[in-house]
Amino acid sequence: MSAATQMAVRGLNATLAERGYPDLRPADGYALLALGEGGATASQLGARLGITKQAAAKIAARLEEAGYLVRADHPHDGRARLLQRSPRGEALLQDAAEVQRHIERDWARTIGAAHMADLRVALEAVLESSGEDRPLAGLW
């Protein structure tokens, strides 16, 4: 399964590069998703990604430089900065979701719609058993 995931992520990133996001790394999409709707501090981002605060801060700095996120004052902690997706970051996630739908349609043409539906159900079951509290997310 990991080879299929890698193939899908490569396809996603290649298509997104064609759509105006040439500077993306796979970790960038995961980071933008991990920020969530309300944003996160670098420590929270690191915890959500399973990496150190320092590594999360490096990813955040690159994403900020590329225009995918912005830093704001934290509303509850005067010492912390809140990392939030910028309009460009939000547009990227919308484009990525559209690309993923195209990838899934291609897979359905290859394996058949019924098998694709079964695959989605199986992956949802894996996520549910893992304790993840969210629907099946995008490729990153």
C-alpha atoms as a PDB file:
ATOM      1  CA  MET A   1       0.000   0.000   0.000  1.00  0.00           C
ATOM      2  CA  SER A   2       2.849   2.416   0.689  1.00  0.00           C
ATOM      3  CA  ALA A   3       3.938   2.331  -2.970  1.00  0.00           C
ATOM      4  CA  ALA A   4       0.377   3.241  -4.007  1.00  0.00           C
ATOM      5  CA  THR A   5       0.338   6.064  -1.471  1.00  0.00           C
ATOM      6  CA  GLN A   6       3.681   7.353  -2.715  1.00  0.00           C
ATOM      7  CA  MET A   7       2.454   7.177  -6.307  1.00  0.00           C
ATOM      8  CA  ALA A   8      -0.684   9.115  -5.393  1.00  0.00           C
ATOM      9  CA  VAL A   9       1.250  11.781  -3.475  1.00  0.00           C
ATOM     10  CA  ARG A  10       3.703  12.198  -6.379  1.00  0.00           C
ATOM     11  CA  GLY A  11       0.758  12.564  -8.764  1.00  0.00           C
ATOM     12  CA  LEU A  12      -0.943  15.038  -6.455  1.00  0.00           C
ATOM     13  CA  ASN A  13       2.182  17.172  -6.099  1.00  0.00           C
ATOM     14  CA  ALA A  14       2.938  17.074  -9.842  1.00  0.00           C
ATOM     15  CA  THR A  15      -0.583  18.212 -10.699  1.00  0.00           C
ATOM     16  CA  LEU A  16      -0.493  20.916  -8.041  1.00  0.00           C
ATOM     17  CA  ALA A  17       2.832  22.151  -9.457  1.00  0.00           C
ATOM     18  CA  GLU A  18       1.102  22.510 -12.839  1.00  0.00           C
ATOM     19  CA  ARG A  19      -1.659  24.489 -11.110  1.00  0.00           C
ATOM     20  CA  GLY A  20       0.711  27.067  -9.669  1.00  0.00           C
ATOM     21  CA  TYR A  21       2.125  25.430  -6.541  1.00  0.00           C
ATOM     22  CA  PRO A  22       5.600  24.351  -7.744  1.00  0.00           C
ATOM     23  CA  ASP A  23       7.350  24.771  -4.412  1.00  0.00           C
ATOM     24  CA  LEU A  24       5.462  22.141  -2.403  1.00  0.00           C
ATOM     25  CA  ARG A  25       6.918  19.254  -0.483  1.00  0.00           C
ATOM     26  CA  PRO A  26       4.676  16.427   0.773  1.00  0.00           C
ATOM     27  CA  ALA A  27       5.228  17.525   4.383  1.00  0.00           C
ATOM     28  CA  ASP A  28       3.808  20.935   3.511  1.00  0.00           C
ATOM     29  CA  GLY A  29       0.344  19.588   2.782  1.00  0.00           C
ATOM     30  CA  TYR A  30       0.339  17.562   5.988  1.00  0.00           C
ATOM     31  CA  ALA A  31       1.365  20.684   7.914  1.00  0.00           C
ATOM     32  CA  LEU A  32      -1.351  22.840   6.386  1.00  0.00           C
ATOM     33  CA  LEU A  33      -3.959  20.217   7.216  1.00  0.00           C
ATOM     34  CA  ALA A  34      -2.575  19.872  10.747  1.00  0.00           C
ATOM     35  CA  LEU A  35      -3.010  23.591  11.385  1.00  0.00           C
ATOM     36  CA  GLY A  36      -6.760  23.034  11.353  1.00  0.00           C
ATOM     37  CA  GLU A  37      -9.380  25.737  11.018  1.00  0.00           C
ATOM     38  CA  GLY A  38      -8.263  27.685  14.073  1.00  0.00           C
ATOM     39  CA  GLY A  39      -4.529  27.518  13.508  1.00  0.00           C
ATOM     40  CA  ALA A  40      -1.886  26.245  15.895  1.00  0.00           C
ATOM     41  CA  THR A  41       1.302  27.228  17.633  1.00  0.00           C
ATOM     42  CA  ALA A  42       4.580  25.697  16.456  1.00  0.00           C
ATOM     43  CA  SER A  43       4.471  23.372  19.486  1.00  0.00           C
ATOM     44  CA  GLN A  44       0.941  22.243  18.651  1.00  0.00           C
ATOM     45  CA  LEU A  45       1.859  21.784  15.000  1.00  0.00           C
ATOM     46  CA  GLY A  46       4.853  19.672  15.974  1.00  0.00           C
ATOM     47  CA  ALA A  47       2.722  17.516  18.275  1.00  0.00           C
ATOM     48  CA  ARG A  48       0.077  17.039  15.580  1.00  0.00           C
ATOM     49  CA  LEU A  49       2.714  16.010  13.038  1.00  0.00           C
ATOM     50  CA  GLY A  50       4.749  13.920  15.470  1.00  0.00           C
ATOM     51  CA  ILE A  51       7.856  16.054  15.037  1.00  0.00           C
ATOM     52  CA  THR A  52       9.800  18.466  17.235  1.00  0.00           C
ATOM     53  CA  LYS A  53       8.749  22.061  17.733  1.00  0.00           C
ATOM     54  CA  GLN A  54      11.950  23.100  15.951  1.00  0.00           C
ATOM     55  CA  ALA A  55      11.158  20.976  12.894  1.00  0.00           C
ATOM     56  CA  ALA A  56       7.612  22.334  12.843  1.00  0.00           C
ATOM     57  CA  ALA A  57       8.970  25.882  13.066  1.00  0.00           C
ATOM     58  CA  LYS A  58      11.204  25.226  10.027  1.00  0.00           C
ATOM     59  CA  ILE A  59       8.267  23.916   8.002  1.00  0.00           C
ATOM     60  CA  ALA A  60       6.165  26.887   9.131  1.00  0.00           C
ATOM     61  CA  ALA A  61       8.892  29.353   8.120  1.00  0.00           C
ATOM     62  CA  ARG A  62       9.085  27.820   4.642  1.00  0.00           C
ATOM     63  CA  LEU A  63       5.282  27.869   4.297  1.00  0.00           C
ATOM     64  CA  GLU A  64       5.138  31.465   5.464  1.00  0.00           C
ATOM     65  CA  GLU A  65       7.854  32.491   2.996  1.00  0.00           C
ATOM     66  CA  ALA A  66       5.914  30.775   0.186  1.00  0.00           C
ATOM     67  CA  GLY A  67       2.711  32.554   1.223  1.00  0.00           C
ATOM     68  CA  TYR A  68       0.788  29.510   2.478  1.00  0.00           C
ATOM     69  CA  LEU A  69       0.516  30.592   6.097  1.00  0.00           C
ATOM     70  CA  VAL A  70       0.605  33.706   8.237  1.00  0.00           C
ATOM     71  CA  ARG A  71       1.564  34.311  11.837  1.00  0.00           C
ATOM     72  CA  ALA A  72      -0.739  36.193  14.185  1.00  0.00           C
ATOM     73  CA  ASP A  73      -0.809  37.098  17.847  1.00  0.00           C
ATOM     74  CA  HIS A  74      -2.209  34.255  19.905  1.00  0.00           C
ATOM     75  CA  PRO A  75      -5.556  35.340  21.406  1.00  0.00           C
ATOM     76  CA  HIS A  76      -4.937  33.552  24.736  1.00  0.00           C
ATOM     77  CA  ASP A  77      -1.143  33.549  25.132  1.00  0.00           C
ATOM     78  CA  GLY A  78       0.778  36.764  24.692  1.00  0.00           C
ATOM     79  CA  ARG A  79       4.066  34.857  24.344  1.00  0.00           C
ATOM     80  CA  ALA A  80       2.903  32.555  21.542  1.00  0.00           C
ATOM     81  CA  ARG A  81       2.339  33.128  17.844  1.00  0.00           C
ATOM     82  CA  LEU A  82      -0.553  31.472  16.056  1.00  0.00           C
ATOM     83  CA  LEU A  83       0.158  29.882  12.675  1.00  0.00           C
ATOM     84  CA  GLN A  84      -2.823  30.100  10.342  1.00  0.00           C
ATOM     85  CA  ARG A  85      -3.433  29.197   6.724  1.00  0.00           C
ATOM     86  CA  SER A  86      -3.371  32.183   4.407  1.00  0.00           C
ATOM     87  CA  PRO A  87      -5.869  32.576   1.545  1.00  0.00           C
ATOM     88  CA  ARG A  88      -3.220  30.951  -0.695  1.00  0.00           C
ATOM     89  CA  GLY A  89      -2.947  28.047   1.757  1.00  0.00           C
ATOM     90  CA  GLU A  90      -6.730  27.623   1.782  1.00  0.00           C
ATOM     91  CA  ALA A  91      -6.803  27.719  -2.036  1.00  0.00           C
ATOM     92  CA  LEU A  92      -4.073  25.081  -2.140  1.00  0.00           C
ATOM     93  CA  LEU A  93      -6.102  22.738   0.073  1.00  0.00           C
ATOM     94  CA  GLN A  94      -9.187  23.250  -2.098  1.00  0.00           C
ATOM     95  CA  ASP A  95      -7.175  22.518  -5.239  1.00  0.00           C
ATOM     96  CA  ALA A  96      -5.605  19.473  -3.573  1.00  0.00           C
ATOM     97  CA  ALA A  97      -9.061  18.103  -2.700  1.00  0.00           C
ATOM     98  CA  GLU A  98     -10.148  18.541  -6.327  1.00  0.00           C
ATOM     99  CA  VAL A  99      -7.004  16.787  -7.585  1.00  0.00           C
ATOM    100  CA  GLN A 100      -7.590  13.956  -5.133  1.00  0.00           C
ATOM    101  CA  ARG A 101     -11.138  13.509  -6.472  1.00  0.00           C
ATOM    102  CA  HIS A 102      -9.644  13.208  -9.984  1.00  0.00           C
ATOM    103  CA  ILE A 103      -7.107  10.641  -8.754  1.00  0.00           C
ATOM    104  CA  GLU A 104      -9.884   8.629  -7.122  1.00  0.00           C
ATOM    105  CA  ARG A 105     -11.914   8.747 -10.348  1.00  0.00           C
ATOM    106  CA  ASP A 106      -8.875   7.465 -12.261  1.00  0.00           C
ATOM    107  CA  TRP A 107      -8.489   4.651  -9.755  1.00  0.00           C
ATOM    108  CA  ALA A 108     -12.194   3.825 -10.091  1.00  0.00           C
ATOM    109  CA  ARG A 109     -11.768   3.563 -13.861  1.00  0.00           C
ATOM    110  CA  THR A 110      -8.861   1.188 -13.289  1.00  0.00           C
ATOM    111  CA  ILE A 111     -10.314  -1.049 -10.584  1.00  0.00           C
ATOM    112  CA  GLY A 112     -14.029  -0.394 -11.021  1.00  0.00           C
ATOM    113  CA  ALA A 113     -16.414   1.780  -9.047  1.00  0.00           C
ATOM    114  CA  ALA A 114     -17.450  -1.044  -6.706  1.00  0.00           C
ATOM    115  CA  HIS A 115     -13.844  -1.847  -5.772  1.00  0.00           C
ATOM    116  CA  MET A 116     -13.143   1.849  -5.258  1.00  0.00           C
ATOM    117  CA  ALA A 117     -16.139   2.127  -2.931  1.00  0.00           C
ATOM    118  CA  ASP A 118     -14.937  -0.965  -1.056  1.00  0.00           C
ATOM    119  CA  LEU A 119     -11.445   0.534  -0.792  1.00  0.00           C
ATOM    120  CA  ARG A 120     -12.829   3.757   0.671  1.00  0.00           C
ATOM    121  CA  VAL A 121     -14.917   1.804   3.217  1.00  0.00           C
ATOM    122  CA  ALA A 122     -11.874  -0.288   4.149  1.00  0.00           C
ATOM    123  CA  LEU A 123      -9.673   2.775   4.618  1.00  0.00           C
ATOM    124  CA  GLU A 124     -12.371   4.495   6.705  1.00  0.00           C
ATOM    125  CA  ALA A 125     -12.461   1.359   8.915  1.00  0.00           C
ATOM    126  CA  VAL A 126      -8.683   1.499   9.351  1.00  0.00           C
ATOM    127  CA  LEU A 127      -8.902   5.154  10.383  1.00  0.00           C
ATOM    128  CA  GLU A 128     -11.779   4.441  12.750  1.00  0.00           C
ATOM    129  CA  SER A 129      -9.872   1.623  14.446  1.00  0.00           C
ATOM    130  CA  SER A 130      -6.851   3.904  14.838  1.00  0.00           C
ATOM    131  CA  GLY A 131      -8.793   6.368  16.963  1.00  0.00           C
ATOM    132  CA  GLU A 132      -8.449   9.213  14.471  1.00  0.00           C
ATOM    133  CA  ASP A 133     -11.429  11.512  14.953  1.00  0.00           C
ATOM    134  CA  ARG A 134     -11.939  12.687  11.402  1.00  0.00           C
ATOM    135  CA  PRO A 135     -13.188  11.447   8.052  1.00  0.00           C
ATOM    136  CA  LEU A 136     -10.777  10.051   5.509  1.00  0.00           C
ATOM    137  CA  ALA A 137      -8.535  13.014   4.734  1.00  0.00           C
ATOM    138  CA  GLY A 138      -6.687  13.972   1.616  1.00  0.00           C
ATOM    139  CA  LEU A 139      -3.552  12.321   0.368  1.00  0.00           C
ATOM    140  CA  TRP A 140      -1.511  14.450   2.659  1.00  0.00           C
END
